[in-house]
Amino acid sequence: MTRRTPTISEFAIRIALAAAFLVVSVVPATSQGSVKLKPETVKGFDQFVASSEESMANKQAEGSGFLWLTDEPARLEAAREGRIVIEHLDDDADVDDGLIHNWIAGMFVPGVTIENVLAVFKSFDEYPDMYPEVIDSRLVGREGETYKLYQRLRKKKVLTVVLDTWHDAVYRRLDERYAISWSKSTEIREVRNAGKSDEELLPEGEGGGFVWRIYLYWRLEQTDDGVLAECQSISLSRKVPLLLRWFINPIVRGIPRDSLERSLKATREAVRRTGAR
């Protein structure tokens, strides 16, 4: 009996099924603590952040434009039309066993003030009602202008990861027209089997490595008819093994973008409600 030669599409299906089986077999192992954050990775991230913050400070000091949104008329126009304008500032930067993700997004919120925006930022206990990713949130302390926050987050992009996170946040008015805010994670720990009887909090730096650091930088500008707001997100994740990059890379790289976009949309809706009171 003559044996039929598989078509190219059938070969592709077989390869995809085999790869899917491999991923199902391997990915659970990565979520069981086989990936560890190295000091060299943290050092590379810290250096990237220092350089980025220096650039932000220089731009502000030079008066070359407070907002990224207003650097190009098309961005500002899109934001005023109600869109969330989002851009990948750099290709993902490689550091030792890690990837740095640098995204920025902006929007316009009509009919509100900077105080409305800052009030939403400081409504820590209400975050679970405002932000889809936030399961729990509370203020755990304050030192001067620095607020110390705890949040439990659910990051979902094909796979679901639950994280217990701690952050230092600052909210600062520069003058009547401008304000800035930043939030920097001080500790992120993956939660295995979240919400179940065998829930386990993994040691810091262990787990799937989808999110190791989250730094957010907000810039606000008051206009005659509302607030222009933008947020830059710099985050750190694991470097994906070559064999799994076709599957894991879209997840790892998609988490920062999707989180940023959802955060801006949720902030806009919450500020609108506050400003309407």
Protein backbone atom coordinates (compact mmCIF):
# COMPACT_ATOMS: atom_id res chain seq x y z
CA MET A 1 0.00 0.00 0.00
CA THR A 2 1.34 3.42 -0.98
CA ARG A 3 1.95 5.69 1.94
CA ARG A 4 0.72 9.26 1.49
CA THR A 5 3.26 12.00 2.07
CA PRO A 6 1.98 14.56 4.60
CA THR A 7 1.36 18.02 3.23
CA ILE A 8 3.26 21.06 4.46
CA SER A 9 0.26 22.17 6.50
CA GLU A 10 0.03 18.76 8.13
CA PHE A 11 3.73 18.92 9.01
CA ALA A 12 3.12 22.35 10.53
CA ILE A 13 0.24 21.02 12.62
CA ARG A 14 2.37 18.12 13.88
CA ILE A 15 5.21 20.46 14.82
CA ALA A 16 2.81 22.82 16.59
CA LEU A 17 1.25 19.94 18.56
CA ALA A 18 4.67 18.64 19.56
CA ALA A 19 5.76 22.11 20.62
CA ALA A 20 2.55 22.62 22.57
CA PHE A 21 3.15 19.35 24.41
CA LEU A 22 6.68 20.48 25.23
CA VAL A 23 5.43 23.81 26.56
CA VAL A 24 2.78 22.15 28.72
CA SER A 25 5.50 19.88 30.09
CA VAL A 26 8.10 22.59 30.70
CA VAL A 27 6.16 25.72 31.70
CA PRO A 28 4.82 24.26 34.96
CA ALA A 29 8.42 23.59 35.98
CA THR A 30 9.29 27.26 35.52
CA SER A 31 6.40 28.23 37.77
CA GLN A 32 7.67 25.93 40.47
CA GLY A 33 10.67 28.08 41.35
CA SER A 34 13.30 26.85 38.88
CA VAL A 35 14.03 30.43 37.73
CA LYS A 36 15.92 32.67 40.15
CA LEU A 37 16.63 36.38 39.99
CA LYS A 38 20.39 37.00 40.00
CA PRO A 39 22.20 40.00 41.54
CA GLU A 40 23.74 40.70 38.12
CA THR A 41 20.24 41.00 36.64
CA VAL A 42 19.18 43.46 39.33
CA LYS A 43 22.34 45.48 38.78
CA GLY A 44 21.64 45.74 35.06
CA PHE A 45 18.07 46.86 35.74
CA ASP A 46 19.18 49.46 38.29
CA GLN A 47 21.66 50.90 35.80
CA PHE A 48 18.99 51.12 33.11
CA VAL A 49 16.61 52.86 35.52
CA ALA A 50 19.29 55.34 36.63
CA SER A 51 19.99 56.27 33.02
CA SER A 52 16.27 56.62 32.24
CA GLU A 53 15.63 58.78 35.30
CA GLU A 54 18.56 61.00 34.37
CA SER A 55 17.05 61.49 30.90
CA MET A 56 13.67 62.35 32.44
CA ALA A 57 15.27 64.89 34.78
CA ASN A 58 17.34 66.47 31.99
CA LYS A 59 14.29 66.84 29.76
CA GLN A 60 12.36 68.52 32.55
CA ALA A 61 15.28 70.82 33.49
CA GLU A 62 15.88 71.85 29.88
CA GLY A 63 12.24 72.73 29.39
CA SER A 64 12.23 70.70 26.19
CA GLY A 65 8.76 69.38 26.81
CA PHE A 66 7.23 68.11 30.02
CA LEU A 67 5.09 65.47 28.32
CA TRP A 68 5.95 62.83 25.76
CA LEU A 69 2.36 63.26 24.56
CA THR A 70 3.01 66.81 23.38
CA ASP A 71 6.29 66.03 21.59
CA GLU A 72 4.33 65.09 18.48
CA PRO A 73 1.02 66.71 17.39
CA ALA A 74 -0.37 63.35 16.23
CA ARG A 75 -0.03 61.88 19.74
CA LEU A 76 -1.78 64.83 21.34
CA GLU A 77 -4.54 64.76 18.75
CA ALA A 78 -5.12 61.04 19.28
CA ALA A 79 -5.25 61.49 23.06
CA ARG A 80 -7.73 64.36 22.77
CA GLU A 81 -9.88 62.14 20.57
CA GLY A 82 -10.18 59.74 23.52
CA ARG A 83 -7.61 57.15 22.59
CA ILE A 84 -4.93 55.63 24.81
CA VAL A 85 -1.67 56.38 22.98
CA ILE A 86 0.92 53.73 23.74
CA GLU A 87 4.44 53.12 22.47
CA HIS A 88 7.37 50.81 23.09
CA LEU A 89 10.20 53.25 23.86
CA ASP A 90 13.06 50.79 23.32
CA ASP A 91 13.55 47.29 22.11
CA ASP A 92 13.52 45.04 25.16
CA ALA A 93 16.94 45.52 26.72
CA ASP A 94 18.90 42.39 27.54
CA VAL A 95 20.57 42.18 30.91
CA ASP A 96 22.16 39.13 32.48
CA ASP A 97 19.34 36.52 32.43
CA GLY A 98 16.68 39.23 32.23
CA LEU A 99 14.64 41.48 29.93
CA ILE A 100 13.83 45.14 30.60
CA HIS A 101 10.55 46.43 29.16
CA ASN A 102 10.15 50.18 28.63
CA TRP A 103 6.67 51.38 27.64
CA ILE A 104 4.88 54.71 27.75
CA ALA A 105 1.21 55.60 27.34
CA GLY A 106 -0.78 58.79 27.51
CA MET A 107 -4.37 60.02 27.55
CA PHE A 108 -6.58 63.07 28.01
CA VAL A 109 -9.23 63.22 30.74
CA PRO A 110 -11.66 66.09 30.03
CA GLY A 111 -13.39 68.15 32.68
CA VAL A 112 -11.20 67.15 35.63
CA THR A 113 -8.29 68.57 37.63
CA ILE A 114 -4.91 67.28 38.72
CA GLU A 115 -6.29 67.04 42.25
CA ASN A 116 -8.93 64.61 40.96
CA VAL A 117 -6.19 62.43 39.49
CA LEU A 118 -4.03 62.52 42.62
CA ALA A 119 -7.07 61.68 44.75
CA VAL A 120 -7.60 58.52 42.70
CA PHE A 121 -3.92 57.61 43.01
CA LYS A 122 -4.18 57.87 46.80
CA SER A 123 -7.41 55.86 47.12
CA PHE A 124 -5.39 52.75 47.89
CA ASP A 125 -8.16 50.71 49.54
CA GLU A 126 -10.38 51.24 46.48
CA TYR A 127 -7.87 49.92 43.95
CA PRO A 128 -9.53 46.45 43.71
CA ASP A 129 -12.75 48.19 42.61
CA MET A 130 -10.93 50.40 40.09
CA TYR A 131 -8.14 48.28 38.60
CA PRO A 132 -8.83 44.84 37.06
CA GLU A 133 -5.42 43.42 38.01
CA VAL A 134 -5.57 44.43 41.68
CA ILE A 135 -6.99 41.80 44.05
CA ASP A 136 -6.02 43.53 47.30
CA SER A 137 -4.46 46.90 48.12
CA ARG A 138 -3.68 48.89 51.25
CA LEU A 139 -1.40 51.51 52.72
CA VAL A 140 1.04 49.90 55.14
CA GLY A 141 3.06 52.96 56.16
CA ARG A 142 4.29 56.42 55.33
CA GLU A 143 7.66 58.13 55.64
CA GLY A 144 7.46 61.81 54.75
CA GLU A 145 6.13 62.08 51.21
CA THR A 146 6.73 58.37 50.53
CA TYR A 147 3.69 56.09 50.77
CA LYS A 148 4.39 52.40 51.38
CA LEU A 149 1.85 50.15 49.70
CA TYR A 150 0.95 46.48 49.55
CA GLN A 151 -0.89 45.03 46.56
CA ARG A 152 -1.84 41.55 45.43
CA LEU A 153 -1.90 41.51 41.62
CA ARG A 154 -3.22 39.06 39.07
CA LYS A 155 -1.31 39.19 35.77
CA LYS A 156 -3.00 37.28 32.98
CA LYS A 157 -1.68 36.70 29.45
CA VAL A 158 -2.56 33.13 28.44
CA LEU A 159 -0.98 32.08 31.75
CA THR A 160 -2.17 33.59 35.04
CA VAL A 161 0.35 34.74 37.64
CA VAL A 162 -0.57 36.06 41.10
CA LEU A 163 1.95 38.29 42.86
CA ASP A 164 2.24 39.82 46.32
CA THR A 165 3.94 43.17 45.82
CA TRP A 166 5.22 46.05 47.94
CA HIS A 167 5.85 49.54 46.58
CA ASP A 168 7.16 52.98 47.53
CA ALA A 169 5.10 55.75 45.94
CA VAL A 170 5.50 59.54 45.81
CA TYR A 171 2.94 62.14 44.62
CA ARG A 172 4.28 65.63 44.06
CA ARG A 173 2.79 68.89 42.77
CA LEU A 174 5.42 70.93 40.92
CA ASP A 175 3.19 74.00 40.51
CA GLU A 176 -0.39 74.82 39.58
CA ARG A 177 0.03 73.31 36.13
CA TYR A 178 2.21 70.23 36.62
CA ALA A 179 2.48 67.20 38.89
CA ILE A 180 4.54 64.02 38.92
CA SER A 181 4.26 60.68 40.64
CA TRP A 182 6.29 57.52 40.75
CA SER A 183 5.84 54.06 42.20
CA LYS A 184 8.68 51.57 42.57
CA SER A 185 8.33 47.97 43.64
CA THR A 186 10.49 47.12 46.61
CA GLU A 187 9.54 43.44 46.75
CA ILE A 188 7.65 41.09 44.43
CA ARG A 189 6.86 37.50 45.39
CA GLU A 190 4.96 34.97 43.32
CA VAL A 191 1.97 33.26 44.95
CA ARG A 192 1.56 29.61 44.07
CA ASN A 193 -2.00 28.18 44.20
CA ALA A 194 -3.43 31.56 45.18
CA GLY A 195 -6.68 31.41 47.11
CA LYS A 196 -6.45 27.68 47.73
CA SER A 197 -5.81 25.78 50.96
CA ASP A 198 -2.25 25.03 49.84
CA GLU A 199 -1.43 28.63 48.86
CA GLU A 200 2.31 29.29 49.07
CA LEU A 201 4.28 32.52 48.93
CA LEU A 202 7.52 31.84 47.08
CA PRO A 203 10.79 33.48 48.15
CA GLU A 204 11.56 36.79 46.47
CA GLY A 205 13.19 36.32 43.07
CA GLU A 206 11.90 32.77 42.57
CA GLY A 207 9.06 31.48 40.42
CA GLY A 208 8.12 31.93 36.79
CA GLY A 209 10.01 35.21 36.49
CA PHE A 210 7.28 36.94 34.47
CA VAL A 211 7.54 40.09 36.63
CA TRP A 212 10.53 40.85 38.88
CA ARG A 213 10.36 44.66 39.03
CA ILE A 214 7.67 47.27 38.23
CA TYR A 215 8.50 50.99 38.17
CA LEU A 216 5.85 53.52 37.09
CA TYR A 217 6.40 57.21 36.36
CA TRP A 218 3.34 59.47 35.96
CA ARG A 219 3.39 63.02 34.58
CA LEU A 220 0.30 65.25 34.71
CA GLU A 221 -0.43 68.55 33.01
CA GLN A 222 -3.47 70.71 33.76
CA THR A 223 -5.13 72.29 30.72
CA ASP A 224 -8.09 74.63 30.44
CA ASP A 225 -10.43 71.73 29.72
CA GLY A 226 -8.95 68.77 31.61
CA VAL A 227 -5.77 66.85 32.37
CA LEU A 228 -3.17 65.34 30.08
CA ALA A 229 -1.73 62.28 31.80
CA GLU A 230 0.98 59.86 30.81
CA CYS A 231 2.71 56.95 32.47
CA GLN A 232 6.06 55.35 31.69
CA SER A 233 6.48 51.75 32.79
CA ILE A 234 9.90 50.17 33.24
CA SER A 235 9.75 46.53 34.30
CA LEU A 236 11.98 43.49 34.55
CA SER A 237 11.24 39.89 33.66
CA ARG A 238 13.10 36.68 32.99
CA LYS A 239 14.96 35.96 29.78
CA VAL A 240 13.15 33.19 27.94
CA PRO A 241 15.00 30.01 26.90
CA LEU A 242 15.44 29.82 23.13
CA LEU A 243 13.30 26.69 22.81
CA LEU A 244 10.28 28.37 24.42
CA ARG A 245 10.56 31.88 23.00
CA TRP A 246 7.88 31.37 20.33
CA PHE A 247 5.35 30.71 23.11
CA ILE A 248 6.62 32.58 26.17
CA ASN A 249 7.92 35.80 24.55
CA PRO A 250 4.45 37.11 23.62
CA ILE A 251 3.39 36.48 27.23
CA VAL A 252 6.41 38.09 28.88
CA ARG A 253 6.44 41.06 26.50
CA GLY A 254 2.68 41.45 26.44
CA ILE A 255 2.23 41.69 30.21
CA PRO A 256 3.81 45.18 30.60
CA ARG A 257 1.95 46.65 27.62
CA ASP A 258 -1.43 45.21 28.53
CA SER A 259 -1.03 46.19 32.20
CA LEU A 260 -0.16 49.76 31.26
CA GLU A 261 -3.06 50.14 28.87
CA ARG A 262 -5.56 48.68 31.35
CA SER A 263 -4.17 50.90 34.11
CA LEU A 264 -4.68 54.08 32.08
CA LYS A 265 -8.20 53.11 31.06
CA ALA A 266 -9.15 52.29 34.64
CA THR A 267 -7.57 55.50 35.95
CA ARG A 268 -9.47 57.57 33.40
CA GLU A 269 -12.79 56.02 34.35
CA ALA A 270 -12.12 56.48 38.08
CA VAL A 271 -11.04 60.11 37.63
CA ARG A 272 -14.12 60.84 35.54
CA ARG A 273 -16.33 59.55 38.33
CA THR A 274 -14.43 61.60 40.92
CA GLY A 275 -14.44 64.74 38.79
CA ALA A 276 -18.16 64.45 38.15
CA ARG A 277 -19.04 64.71 41.84
